[in-house]
Amino acid sequence: MSEIAKVVFNAEVDAIGMNCPLPILRTKKALATMQSGEILKVKATDAGAVNDFPAFAKQTGNELIAAGSEGDVLVFFLKRR
């Protein structure tokens, strides 16, 4: 089992099939509803997400705690600041 499969999360955003900037916008909206320290799982297929999510985390102060893939789907775990 991969490391990302072991991450426990509080909420999930399914951005599969969406192109930039929708995965980031959906993520921002979801994080706004969460408490500090909670974990958000994001699934995306946009290749740009590989660069977008680390930059988004750095810019917003949320922590990107894990990133990987499940088949063709990119998976990111962000910890709410």
C-alpha atoms as a PDB file:
ATOM      1  CA  MET A   1       0.000   0.000   0.000  1.00  0.00           C
ATOM      2  CA  SER A   2       1.307   3.456  -0.878  1.00  0.00           C
ATOM      3  CA  GLU A   3       2.012   6.124   1.728  1.00  0.00           C
ATOM      4  CA  ILE A   4      -0.800   8.339   0.444  1.00  0.00           C
ATOM      5  CA  ALA A   5      -3.308   5.542   0.967  1.00  0.00           C
ATOM      6  CA  LYS A   6      -2.504   5.661   4.700  1.00  0.00           C
ATOM      7  CA  VAL A   7      -3.243   9.378   5.203  1.00  0.00           C
ATOM      8  CA  VAL A   8      -6.339  10.021   7.318  1.00  0.00           C
ATOM      9  CA  PHE A   9      -8.354  12.994   6.028  1.00  0.00           C
ATOM     10  CA  ASN A  10     -11.387  15.019   7.118  1.00  0.00           C
ATOM     11  CA  ALA A  11     -12.756  16.139   3.726  1.00  0.00           C
ATOM     12  CA  GLU A  12     -12.228  15.437   0.042  1.00  0.00           C
ATOM     13  CA  VAL A  13     -12.356  17.454  -3.183  1.00  0.00           C
ATOM     14  CA  ASP A  14     -12.900  15.555  -6.435  1.00  0.00           C
ATOM     15  CA  ALA A  15     -11.428  17.707  -9.192  1.00  0.00           C
ATOM     16  CA  ILE A  16     -11.002  14.846 -11.667  1.00  0.00           C
ATOM     17  CA  GLY A  17     -11.475  16.077 -15.235  1.00  0.00           C
ATOM     18  CA  MET A  18     -11.260  19.759 -14.250  1.00  0.00           C
ATOM     19  CA  ASN A  19      -8.670  22.067 -15.742  1.00  0.00           C
ATOM     20  CA  CYS A  20      -6.730  24.857 -14.058  1.00  0.00           C
ATOM     21  CA  PRO A  21      -7.742  26.905 -12.131  1.00  0.00           C
ATOM     22  CA  LEU A  22     -10.792  24.875 -11.004  1.00  0.00           C
ATOM     23  CA  PRO A  23      -8.934  22.315  -8.830  1.00  0.00           C
ATOM     24  CA  ILE A  24      -7.279  25.142  -6.865  1.00  0.00           C
ATOM     25  CA  LEU A  25     -10.516  27.135  -6.594  1.00  0.00           C
ATOM     26  CA  ARG A  26     -12.411  24.084  -5.295  1.00  0.00           C
ATOM     27  CA  THR A  27      -9.584  23.419  -2.836  1.00  0.00           C
ATOM     28  CA  LYS A  28      -9.585  27.012  -1.580  1.00  0.00           C
ATOM     29  CA  LYS A  29     -13.370  26.881  -1.063  1.00  0.00           C
ATOM     30  CA  ALA A  30     -13.177  23.558   0.806  1.00  0.00           C
ATOM     31  CA  LEU A  31     -10.324  24.705   3.071  1.00  0.00           C
ATOM     32  CA  ALA A  32     -12.336  27.804   4.025  1.00  0.00           C
ATOM     33  CA  THR A  33     -14.968  25.541   5.613  1.00  0.00           C
ATOM     34  CA  MET A  34     -12.456  23.489   7.598  1.00  0.00           C
ATOM     35  CA  GLN A  35     -10.941  23.894  11.058  1.00  0.00           C
ATOM     36  CA  SER A  36      -7.231  24.518  11.610  1.00  0.00           C
ATOM     37  CA  GLY A  37      -5.267  21.246  11.535  1.00  0.00           C
ATOM     38  CA  GLU A  38      -7.836  19.297   9.497  1.00  0.00           C
ATOM     39  CA  ILE A  39      -6.677  17.406   6.407  1.00  0.00           C
ATOM     40  CA  LEU A  40      -8.132  17.846   2.904  1.00  0.00           C
ATOM     41  CA  LYS A  41      -7.652  15.205   0.202  1.00  0.00           C
ATOM     42  CA  VAL A  42      -7.722  16.506  -3.374  1.00  0.00           C
ATOM     43  CA  LYS A  43      -7.972  14.269  -6.445  1.00  0.00           C
ATOM     44  CA  ALA A  44      -7.103  15.847  -9.806  1.00  0.00           C
ATOM     45  CA  THR A  45      -6.136  14.861 -13.327  1.00  0.00           C
ATOM     46  CA  ASP A  46      -4.848  18.229 -14.601  1.00  0.00           C
ATOM     47  CA  ALA A  47      -1.097  17.798 -15.167  1.00  0.00           C
ATOM     48  CA  GLY A  48      -0.517  21.377 -13.993  1.00  0.00           C
ATOM     49  CA  ALA A  49      -1.681  20.385 -10.510  1.00  0.00           C
ATOM     50  CA  VAL A  50       1.772  18.895  -9.833  1.00  0.00           C
ATOM     51  CA  ASN A  51       3.157  22.450  -9.756  1.00  0.00           C
ATOM     52  CA  ASP A  52      -0.018  24.267  -8.694  1.00  0.00           C
ATOM     53  CA  PHE A  53      -0.598  22.580  -5.341  1.00  0.00           C
ATOM     54  CA  PRO A  54       2.889  23.081  -3.839  1.00  0.00           C
ATOM     55  CA  ALA A  55       2.741  26.750  -4.942  1.00  0.00           C
ATOM     56  CA  PHE A  56      -0.790  27.148  -3.542  1.00  0.00           C
ATOM     57  CA  ALA A  57       0.238  25.640  -0.203  1.00  0.00           C
ATOM     58  CA  LYS A  58       3.276  27.917   0.074  1.00  0.00           C
ATOM     59  CA  GLN A  59       1.272  31.007  -0.901  1.00  0.00           C
ATOM     60  CA  THR A  60      -1.622  30.345   1.498  1.00  0.00           C
ATOM     61  CA  GLY A  61       0.285  28.952   4.490  1.00  0.00           C
ATOM     62  CA  ASN A  62      -1.487  25.593   4.321  1.00  0.00           C
ATOM     63  CA  GLU A  63       0.816  22.576   4.525  1.00  0.00           C
ATOM     64  CA  LEU A  64       1.103  20.087   1.653  1.00  0.00           C
ATOM     65  CA  ILE A  65       1.670  16.972   3.758  1.00  0.00           C
ATOM     66  CA  ALA A  66       1.624  14.356   0.982  1.00  0.00           C
ATOM     67  CA  ALA A  67       1.344  14.089  -2.790  1.00  0.00           C
ATOM     68  CA  GLY A  68       1.256  11.113  -5.095  1.00  0.00           C
ATOM     69  CA  SER A  69      -0.940   9.270  -7.529  1.00  0.00           C
ATOM     70  CA  GLU A  70      -3.551   6.554  -7.595  1.00  0.00           C
ATOM     71  CA  GLY A  71      -3.308   5.261 -11.146  1.00  0.00           C
ATOM     72  CA  ASP A  72      -3.853   8.245 -13.472  1.00  0.00           C
ATOM     73  CA  VAL A  73      -5.228  10.431 -10.671  1.00  0.00           C
ATOM     74  CA  LEU A  74      -3.003  12.893  -8.814  1.00  0.00           C
ATOM     75  CA  VAL A  75      -3.666  13.010  -5.075  1.00  0.00           C
ATOM     76  CA  PHE A  76      -2.727  15.825  -2.689  1.00  0.00           C
ATOM     77  CA  PHE A  77      -3.213  16.144   1.055  1.00  0.00           C
ATOM     78  CA  LEU A  78      -3.285  19.641   2.527  1.00  0.00           C
ATOM     79  CA  LYS A  79      -3.345  20.490   6.229  1.00  0.00           C
ATOM     80  CA  ARG A  80      -5.442  23.561   7.000  1.00  0.00           C
ATOM     81  CA  ARG A  81      -3.370  26.317   8.599  1.00  0.00           C
END
